[in-house]
């Protein structure tokens, strides 16, 4: 019985040490700070390892697209408020989704090799059944 307790203690200590080393080596303070602050652009930069040039180009795309996004949202909200036919609202929503998809693909094309595909794997599923009630989020919803 004594060897069993000793073995258990050694396994637990090794597991704790492994976790500590893994956490220390994979802790990204910039990524943690961006997530805590809710700063999507800082998260994007840290998560996808963007250079200054890539980040500047993506920020410009983001700023330019904000105007397009605002127009789409305004059109959808107006159509809902005036109780437009469902087909009209569906068309406006599809135009929005298509524009977001194209925007996300442009953003991905500016990222380092491999990171763009990972980015699209995160964001595209978020807009597949998008309900148009606010900006899409990469946060996991319950």
N, C-alpha and C. Protein backbone atom coordinates (compact mmCIF):
# COMPACT_ATOMS: atom_id res chain seq x y z
N UNK A 1 0.82 -1.19 0.00
CA UNK A 1 0.00 0.00 0.00
C UNK A 1 0.87 1.26 0.00
N UNK A 2 2.00 1.18 0.66
CA UNK A 2 2.89 2.33 0.75
C UNK A 2 3.39 2.72 -0.64
N UNK A 3 3.75 1.77 -1.48
CA UNK A 3 4.22 2.05 -2.84
C UNK A 3 3.11 2.67 -3.69
N UNK A 4 1.88 2.27 -3.44
CA UNK A 4 0.75 2.82 -4.20
C UNK A 4 0.62 4.32 -3.92
N UNK A 5 0.68 4.72 -2.65
CA UNK A 5 0.58 6.14 -2.30
C UNK A 5 1.76 6.93 -2.85
N UNK A 6 2.93 6.34 -2.78
CA UNK A 6 4.12 7.00 -3.31
C UNK A 6 4.00 7.17 -4.82
N UNK A 7 3.53 6.13 -5.51
CA UNK A 7 3.35 6.19 -6.97
C UNK A 7 2.32 7.26 -7.32
N UNK A 8 1.23 7.31 -6.58
CA UNK A 8 0.19 8.31 -6.82
C UNK A 8 0.75 9.71 -6.63
N UNK A 9 1.51 9.91 -5.60
CA UNK A 9 2.11 11.20 -5.32
C UNK A 9 3.07 11.62 -6.44
N UNK A 10 3.87 10.69 -6.93
CA UNK A 10 4.81 10.99 -8.02
C UNK A 10 4.05 11.34 -9.30
N UNK A 11 2.99 10.60 -9.61
CA UNK A 11 2.18 10.88 -10.81
C UNK A 11 1.53 12.26 -10.70
N UNK A 12 0.94 12.58 -9.56
CA UNK A 12 0.32 13.88 -9.38
C UNK A 12 1.34 15.01 -9.48
N UNK A 13 2.50 14.83 -8.90
CA UNK A 13 3.54 15.85 -8.97
C UNK A 13 4.02 16.04 -10.41
N UNK A 14 4.19 14.94 -11.13
CA UNK A 14 4.62 15.03 -12.53
C UNK A 14 3.55 15.72 -13.38
N UNK A 15 2.29 15.41 -13.12
CA UNK A 15 1.20 16.06 -13.85
C UNK A 15 1.15 17.55 -13.58
N UNK A 16 1.28 17.93 -12.33
CA UNK A 16 1.26 19.34 -11.97
C UNK A 16 2.45 20.07 -12.58
N UNK A 17 3.60 19.47 -12.55
CA UNK A 17 4.79 20.08 -13.14
C UNK A 17 4.63 20.23 -14.65
N UNK A 18 4.09 19.22 -15.31
CA UNK A 18 3.87 19.28 -16.76
C UNK A 18 2.90 20.40 -17.11
N UNK A 19 1.83 20.52 -16.34
CA UNK A 19 0.87 21.59 -16.58
C UNK A 19 1.52 22.95 -16.40
N UNK A 20 2.29 23.10 -15.36
CA UNK A 20 2.96 24.37 -15.09
C UNK A 20 3.90 24.76 -16.21
N UNK A 21 4.68 23.82 -16.70
CA UNK A 21 5.62 24.09 -17.78
C UNK A 21 4.85 24.44 -19.05
N UNK A 22 3.80 23.67 -19.38
CA UNK A 22 2.99 23.94 -20.56
C UNK A 22 2.38 25.33 -20.49
N UNK A 23 1.80 25.68 -19.36
CA UNK A 23 1.17 26.98 -19.19
C UNK A 23 2.19 28.11 -19.34
N UNK A 24 3.35 27.94 -18.72
CA UNK A 24 4.37 28.98 -18.77
C UNK A 24 4.89 29.19 -20.19
N UNK A 25 5.03 28.11 -20.94
CA UNK A 25 5.54 28.22 -22.30
C UNK A 25 4.50 28.72 -23.29
N UNK A 26 3.23 28.54 -22.99
CA UNK A 26 2.17 28.92 -23.92
C UNK A 26 1.37 30.14 -23.49
N UNK A 27 1.76 30.78 -22.43
CA UNK A 27 1.05 31.96 -21.95
C UNK A 27 1.44 33.14 -22.82
N UNK A 28 0.46 33.79 -23.41
CA UNK A 28 0.68 34.96 -24.25
C UNK A 28 -0.01 36.14 -23.58
N UNK A 29 0.77 36.99 -22.95
CA UNK A 29 0.21 38.11 -22.20
C UNK A 29 -0.59 39.05 -23.11
N UNK A 30 -0.12 39.26 -24.33
CA UNK A 30 -0.83 40.15 -25.25
C UNK A 30 -2.20 39.57 -25.61
N UNK A 31 -2.25 38.28 -25.86
CA UNK A 31 -3.51 37.62 -26.19
C UNK A 31 -4.46 37.65 -25.00
N UNK A 32 -3.95 37.39 -23.83
CA UNK A 32 -4.76 37.41 -22.61
C UNK A 32 -5.32 38.82 -22.35
N UNK A 33 -4.49 39.83 -22.54
CA UNK A 33 -4.90 41.21 -22.34
C UNK A 33 -5.99 41.61 -23.35
N UNK A 34 -5.82 41.23 -24.61
CA UNK A 34 -6.81 41.55 -25.64
C UNK A 34 -8.15 40.90 -25.33
N UNK A 35 -8.11 39.66 -24.89
CA UNK A 35 -9.35 38.96 -24.55
C UNK A 35 -10.03 39.61 -23.34
N UNK A 36 -9.24 39.95 -22.34
CA UNK A 36 -9.80 40.58 -21.13
C UNK A 36 -10.43 41.93 -21.45
N UNK A 37 -9.78 42.70 -22.34
CA UNK A 37 -10.28 44.03 -22.68
C UNK A 37 -11.37 44.01 -23.75
N UNK A 38 -11.59 42.84 -24.36
CA UNK A 38 -12.59 42.75 -25.42
C UNK A 38 -12.15 43.48 -26.68
N UNK A 39 -10.86 43.61 -26.88
CA UNK A 39 -10.31 44.32 -28.04
C UNK A 39 -10.12 43.32 -29.18
N UNK A 40 -11.08 43.29 -30.10
CA UNK A 40 -11.07 42.31 -31.19
C UNK A 40 -9.85 42.47 -32.09
N UNK A 41 -9.45 43.71 -32.37
CA UNK A 41 -8.31 43.91 -33.26
C UNK A 41 -7.00 43.47 -32.59
N UNK A 42 -6.85 43.76 -31.31
CA UNK A 42 -5.65 43.31 -30.60
C UNK A 42 -5.64 41.79 -30.51
N UNK A 43 -6.82 41.19 -30.30
CA UNK A 43 -6.91 39.73 -30.28
C UNK A 43 -6.50 39.17 -31.63
N UNK A 44 -7.00 39.76 -32.71
CA UNK A 44 -6.68 39.30 -34.06
C UNK A 44 -5.18 39.34 -34.29
N UNK A 45 -4.56 40.45 -33.90
CA UNK A 45 -3.12 40.62 -34.09
C UNK A 45 -2.33 39.55 -33.34
N UNK A 46 -2.69 39.33 -32.07
CA UNK A 46 -1.95 38.37 -31.25
C UNK A 46 -2.25 36.93 -31.66
N UNK A 47 -3.52 36.62 -31.86
CA UNK A 47 -3.92 35.24 -32.16
C UNK A 47 -3.35 34.73 -33.48
N UNK A 48 -3.28 35.61 -34.49
CA UNK A 48 -2.85 35.17 -35.81
C UNK A 48 -1.46 35.65 -36.19
N UNK A 49 -0.72 36.13 -35.19
CA UNK A 49 0.70 36.46 -35.34
C UNK A 49 0.95 37.40 -36.52
N UNK A 50 0.24 38.53 -36.52
CA UNK A 50 0.33 39.48 -37.62
C UNK A 50 1.53 40.41 -37.46
N UNK A 51 2.20 40.66 -38.56
CA UNK A 51 3.27 41.65 -38.56
C UNK A 51 2.63 43.04 -38.51
N UNK A 52 3.45 44.04 -38.30
CA UNK A 52 2.94 45.41 -38.28
C UNK A 52 2.27 45.76 -39.61
N UNK A 53 2.89 45.35 -40.72
CA UNK A 53 2.34 45.65 -42.04
C UNK A 53 1.01 44.92 -42.27
N UNK A 54 0.96 43.65 -41.90
CA UNK A 54 -0.28 42.89 -42.05
C UNK A 54 -1.39 43.49 -41.19
N UNK A 55 -1.04 43.83 -39.96
CA UNK A 55 -2.04 44.39 -39.06
C UNK A 55 -2.57 45.72 -39.59
N UNK A 56 -1.69 46.56 -40.09
CA UNK A 56 -2.12 47.86 -40.63
C UNK A 56 -3.06 47.67 -41.83
N UNK A 57 -2.72 46.73 -42.71
CA UNK A 57 -3.57 46.48 -43.88
C UNK A 57 -4.92 45.91 -43.46
N UNK A 58 -4.93 45.01 -42.49
CA UNK A 58 -6.18 44.42 -42.01
C UNK A 58 -7.01 45.46 -41.28
N UNK A 59 -6.38 46.31 -40.49
CA UNK A 59 -7.10 47.38 -39.80
C UNK A 59 -7.77 48.31 -40.82
N UNK A 60 -7.05 48.62 -41.90
CA UNK A 60 -7.63 49.48 -42.94
C UNK A 60 -8.84 48.80 -43.59
N UNK A 61 -8.71 47.50 -43.89
CA UNK A 61 -9.85 46.75 -44.43
C UNK A 61 -11.02 46.80 -43.46
N UNK A 62 -10.72 46.60 -42.19
CA UNK A 62 -11.75 46.60 -41.15
C UNK A 62 -12.44 47.97 -41.08
N UNK A 63 -11.67 49.02 -41.08
CA UNK A 63 -12.24 50.37 -41.01
C UNK A 63 -13.09 50.67 -42.23
N UNK A 64 -12.61 50.28 -43.41
CA UNK A 64 -13.39 50.49 -44.64
C UNK A 64 -14.68 49.68 -44.62
N UNK A 65 -14.59 48.45 -44.14
CA UNK A 65 -15.77 47.58 -44.12
C UNK A 65 -16.80 48.04 -43.09
N UNK A 66 -16.38 48.73 -42.07
CA UNK A 66 -17.32 49.21 -41.05
C UNK A 66 -18.41 50.07 -41.68
N UNK A 67 -18.08 50.84 -42.69
CA UNK A 67 -19.07 51.67 -43.38
C UNK A 67 -20.08 50.80 -44.13
N UNK A 68 -19.58 49.78 -44.79
CA UNK A 68 -20.45 48.84 -45.52
C UNK A 68 -21.36 48.10 -44.53
N UNK A 69 -20.78 47.65 -43.45
CA UNK A 69 -21.53 46.92 -42.42
C UNK A 69 -22.65 47.79 -41.84
N UNK A 70 -22.32 49.04 -41.58
CA UNK A 70 -23.32 49.97 -41.03
C UNK A 70 -24.49 50.13 -41.99
N UNK A 71 -24.21 50.24 -43.28
CA UNK A 71 -25.29 50.36 -44.27
C UNK A 71 -26.16 49.12 -44.29
N UNK A 72 -25.53 47.96 -44.23
CA UNK A 72 -26.30 46.70 -44.24
C UNK A 72 -27.18 46.60 -42.99
N UNK A 73 -26.60 46.88 -41.85
CA UNK A 73 -27.37 46.81 -40.60
C UNK A 73 -28.55 47.78 -40.63
N UNK A 74 -28.29 48.98 -41.08
CA UNK A 74 -29.34 50.00 -41.14
C UNK A 74 -30.48 49.55 -42.06
N UNK A 75 -30.14 48.96 -43.20
CA UNK A 75 -31.16 48.50 -44.15
C UNK A 75 -31.99 47.37 -43.55
N UNK A 76 -31.34 46.45 -42.85
CA UNK A 76 -32.06 45.32 -42.24
C UNK A 76 -32.96 45.82 -41.11
N UNK A 77 -32.43 46.69 -40.27
CA UNK A 77 -33.23 47.23 -39.16
C UNK A 77 -34.44 48.01 -39.70
N UNK A 78 -34.20 48.84 -40.70
CA UNK A 78 -35.32 49.61 -41.29
C UNK A 78 -36.38 48.69 -41.87
N UNK A 79 -35.94 47.65 -42.57
CA UNK A 79 -36.90 46.71 -43.17
C UNK A 79 -37.71 45.99 -42.08
N UNK A 80 -37.06 45.62 -41.00
CA UNK A 80 -37.78 44.96 -39.90
C UNK A 80 -38.76 45.93 -39.23
N UNK A 81 -38.34 47.17 -39.04
CA UNK A 81 -39.20 48.15 -38.37
C UNK A 81 -40.45 48.46 -39.18
N UNK A 82 -40.30 48.51 -40.48
CA UNK A 82 -41.48 48.79 -41.31
C UNK A 82 -42.22 47.51 -41.70
N UNK A 83 -41.80 46.40 -41.10
CA UNK A 83 -42.42 45.10 -41.33
C UNK A 83 -42.47 44.74 -42.82
N UNK A 84 -41.31 44.85 -43.44
CA UNK A 84 -41.17 44.51 -44.86
C UNK A 84 -41.47 43.02 -45.05
N UNK A 85 -41.80 42.63 -46.27
CA UNK A 85 -42.04 41.20 -46.54
C UNK A 85 -40.81 40.37 -46.18
N UNK A 86 -41.04 39.15 -45.74
CA UNK A 86 -39.96 38.26 -45.30
C UNK A 86 -38.91 38.07 -46.39
N UNK A 87 -39.35 37.99 -47.63
CA UNK A 87 -38.40 37.82 -48.74
C UNK A 87 -37.44 38.98 -48.88
N UNK A 88 -37.93 40.18 -48.67
CA UNK A 88 -37.07 41.37 -48.75
C UNK A 88 -36.04 41.35 -47.63
N UNK A 89 -36.49 41.01 -46.42
CA UNK A 89 -35.56 40.95 -45.29
C UNK A 89 -34.53 39.85 -45.51
N UNK A 90 -34.97 38.70 -46.00
CA UNK A 90 -34.04 37.60 -46.27
C UNK A 90 -33.00 38.00 -47.31
N UNK A 91 -33.42 38.74 -48.32
CA UNK A 91 -32.48 39.20 -49.34
C UNK A 91 -31.45 40.15 -48.74
N UNK A 92 -31.91 41.09 -47.92
CA UNK A 92 -30.98 42.02 -47.27
C UNK A 92 -30.00 41.27 -46.36
N UNK A 93 -30.50 40.29 -45.64
CA UNK A 93 -29.63 39.50 -44.75
C UNK A 93 -28.61 38.70 -45.56
N UNK A 94 -29.02 38.17 -46.70
CA UNK A 94 -28.08 37.40 -47.53
C UNK A 94 -27.00 38.31 -48.12
N UNK A 95 -27.38 39.51 -48.52
CA UNK A 95 -26.40 40.48 -49.01
C UNK A 95 -25.38 40.77 -47.91
N UNK A 96 -25.86 40.90 -46.68
CA UNK A 96 -24.97 41.14 -45.53
C UNK A 96 -24.00 39.97 -45.33
N UNK A 97 -24.53 38.76 -45.33
CA UNK A 97 -23.69 37.57 -45.12
C UNK A 97 -22.66 37.44 -46.25
N UNK A 98 -23.09 37.66 -47.48
CA UNK A 98 -22.15 37.58 -48.61
C UNK A 98 -21.04 38.62 -48.48
N UNK A 99 -21.40 39.83 -48.06
CA UNK A 99 -20.39 40.89 -47.89
C UNK A 99 -19.42 40.54 -46.76
N UNK A 100 -19.96 40.01 -45.65
CA UNK A 100 -19.09 39.61 -44.53
C UNK A 100 -18.14 38.50 -44.98
N UNK A 101 -18.66 37.53 -45.71
CA UNK A 101 -17.83 36.42 -46.17
C UNK A 101 -16.70 36.93 -47.04
N UNK A 102 -17.01 37.81 -47.97
CA UNK A 102 -15.97 38.39 -48.83
C UNK A 102 -14.96 39.19 -48.01
N UNK A 103 -15.44 39.95 -47.05
CA UNK A 103 -14.54 40.73 -46.18
C UNK A 103 -13.60 39.80 -45.41
N UNK A 104 -14.16 38.75 -44.81
CA UNK A 104 -13.34 37.81 -44.04
C UNK A 104 -12.30 37.12 -44.94
N UNK A 105 -12.68 36.81 -46.16
CA UNK A 105 -11.72 36.19 -47.08
C UNK A 105 -10.59 37.17 -47.44
N UNK A 106 -10.92 38.43 -47.59
CA UNK A 106 -9.88 39.44 -47.85
C UNK A 106 -8.94 39.55 -46.66
N UNK A 107 -9.51 39.57 -45.46
CA UNK A 107 -8.68 39.63 -44.25
C UNK A 107 -7.76 38.42 -44.20
N UNK A 108 -8.31 37.24 -44.44
CA UNK A 108 -7.51 36.01 -44.39
C UNK A 108 -6.37 36.03 -45.40
N UNK A 109 -6.62 36.65 -46.56
CA UNK A 109 -5.58 36.68 -47.60
C UNK A 109 -4.38 37.52 -47.20
N UNK A 110 -4.53 38.38 -46.21
CA UNK A 110 -3.43 39.23 -45.74
C UNK A 110 -2.66 38.61 -44.58
N UNK A 111 -3.11 37.47 -44.10
CA UNK A 111 -2.48 36.83 -42.94
C UNK A 111 -1.34 35.91 -43.37
N UNK A 112 -0.49 35.54 -42.42
CA UNK A 112 0.59 34.59 -42.73
C UNK A 112 0.02 33.26 -43.22
N UNK A 113 0.83 32.53 -43.97
CA UNK A 113 0.43 31.23 -44.50
C UNK A 113 -0.10 30.34 -43.37
N UNK A 114 -1.22 29.72 -43.59
CA UNK A 114 -1.82 28.83 -42.60
C UNK A 114 -2.74 29.55 -41.62
N UNK A 115 -2.40 30.76 -41.25
CA UNK A 115 -3.21 31.50 -40.28
C UNK A 115 -4.53 31.95 -40.91
N UNK A 116 -4.51 32.29 -42.19
CA UNK A 116 -5.73 32.70 -42.87
C UNK A 116 -6.78 31.60 -42.88
N UNK A 117 -6.34 30.37 -43.12
CA UNK A 117 -7.27 29.24 -43.11
C UNK A 117 -7.84 29.01 -41.71
N UNK A 118 -6.99 29.16 -40.72
CA UNK A 118 -7.44 28.99 -39.34
C UNK A 118 -8.44 30.08 -38.97
N UNK A 119 -8.17 31.31 -39.41
CA UNK A 119 -9.08 32.42 -39.17
C UNK A 119 -10.45 32.14 -39.81
N UNK A 120 -10.44 31.71 -41.06
CA UNK A 120 -11.71 31.42 -41.75
C UNK A 120 -12.47 30.29 -41.06
N UNK A 121 -11.73 29.31 -40.55
CA UNK A 121 -12.38 28.19 -39.84
C UNK A 121 -13.08 28.68 -38.58
N UNK A 122 -12.61 29.77 -38.01
CA UNK A 122 -13.24 30.33 -36.82
C UNK A 122 -14.42 31.23 -37.18
N UNK A 123 -14.23 32.12 -38.16
CA UNK A 123 -15.25 33.14 -38.40
C UNK A 123 -16.37 32.72 -39.34
N UNK A 124 -16.08 31.93 -40.36
CA UNK A 124 -17.14 31.58 -41.32
C UNK A 124 -18.30 30.80 -40.70
N UNK A 125 -18.05 29.84 -39.81
CA UNK A 125 -19.19 29.17 -39.19
C UNK A 125 -20.08 30.10 -38.36
N UNK A 126 -19.49 31.20 -37.87
CA UNK A 126 -20.25 32.16 -37.06
C UNK A 126 -21.30 32.91 -37.88
N UNK A 127 -21.11 32.97 -39.19
CA UNK A 127 -22.07 33.72 -40.01
C UNK A 127 -22.95 32.81 -40.86
N UNK A 128 -22.75 31.51 -40.79
CA UNK A 128 -23.54 30.58 -41.59
C UNK A 128 -25.03 30.72 -41.30
N UNK A 129 -25.39 30.83 -40.05
CA UNK A 129 -26.79 31.00 -39.64
C UNK A 129 -26.95 32.27 -38.83
N UNK A 130 -26.32 33.30 -39.27
CA UNK A 130 -26.27 34.57 -38.56
C UNK A 130 -27.66 35.18 -38.44
N UNK A 131 -28.00 35.66 -37.26
CA UNK A 131 -29.34 36.18 -37.00
C UNK A 131 -29.45 37.70 -37.13
N UNK A 132 -28.37 38.38 -37.45
CA UNK A 132 -28.38 39.83 -37.69
C UNK A 132 -28.95 40.62 -36.51
N UNK A 133 -28.41 40.35 -35.33
CA UNK A 133 -28.83 41.08 -34.13
C UNK A 133 -27.64 41.77 -33.46
N UNK A 134 -26.61 42.03 -34.20
CA UNK A 134 -25.39 42.64 -33.69
C UNK A 134 -24.21 42.06 -34.42
N UNK A 135 -23.06 42.62 -34.18
CA UNK A 135 -21.87 42.15 -34.86
C UNK A 135 -21.57 40.70 -34.48
N UNK A 136 -21.12 39.89 -35.46
CA UNK A 136 -20.74 38.51 -35.13
C UNK A 136 -19.61 38.51 -34.12
N UNK A 137 -19.55 37.49 -33.31
CA UNK A 137 -18.54 37.39 -32.28
C UNK A 137 -17.84 36.05 -32.37
N UNK A 138 -16.58 36.02 -32.00
CA UNK A 138 -15.86 34.76 -31.96
C UNK A 138 -15.97 34.10 -30.60
N UNK A 139 -16.67 34.75 -29.68
CA UNK A 139 -16.87 34.16 -28.36
C UNK A 139 -17.83 32.99 -28.46
N UNK A 140 -17.58 31.98 -27.65
CA UNK A 140 -18.44 30.81 -27.63
C UNK A 140 -19.72 31.17 -26.90
N UNK A 141 -20.85 30.86 -27.52
CA UNK A 141 -22.14 31.14 -26.89
C UNK A 141 -22.71 29.85 -26.34
N UNK A 142 -23.39 29.94 -25.18
CA UNK A 142 -23.92 28.71 -24.56
C UNK A 142 -25.06 28.13 -25.36
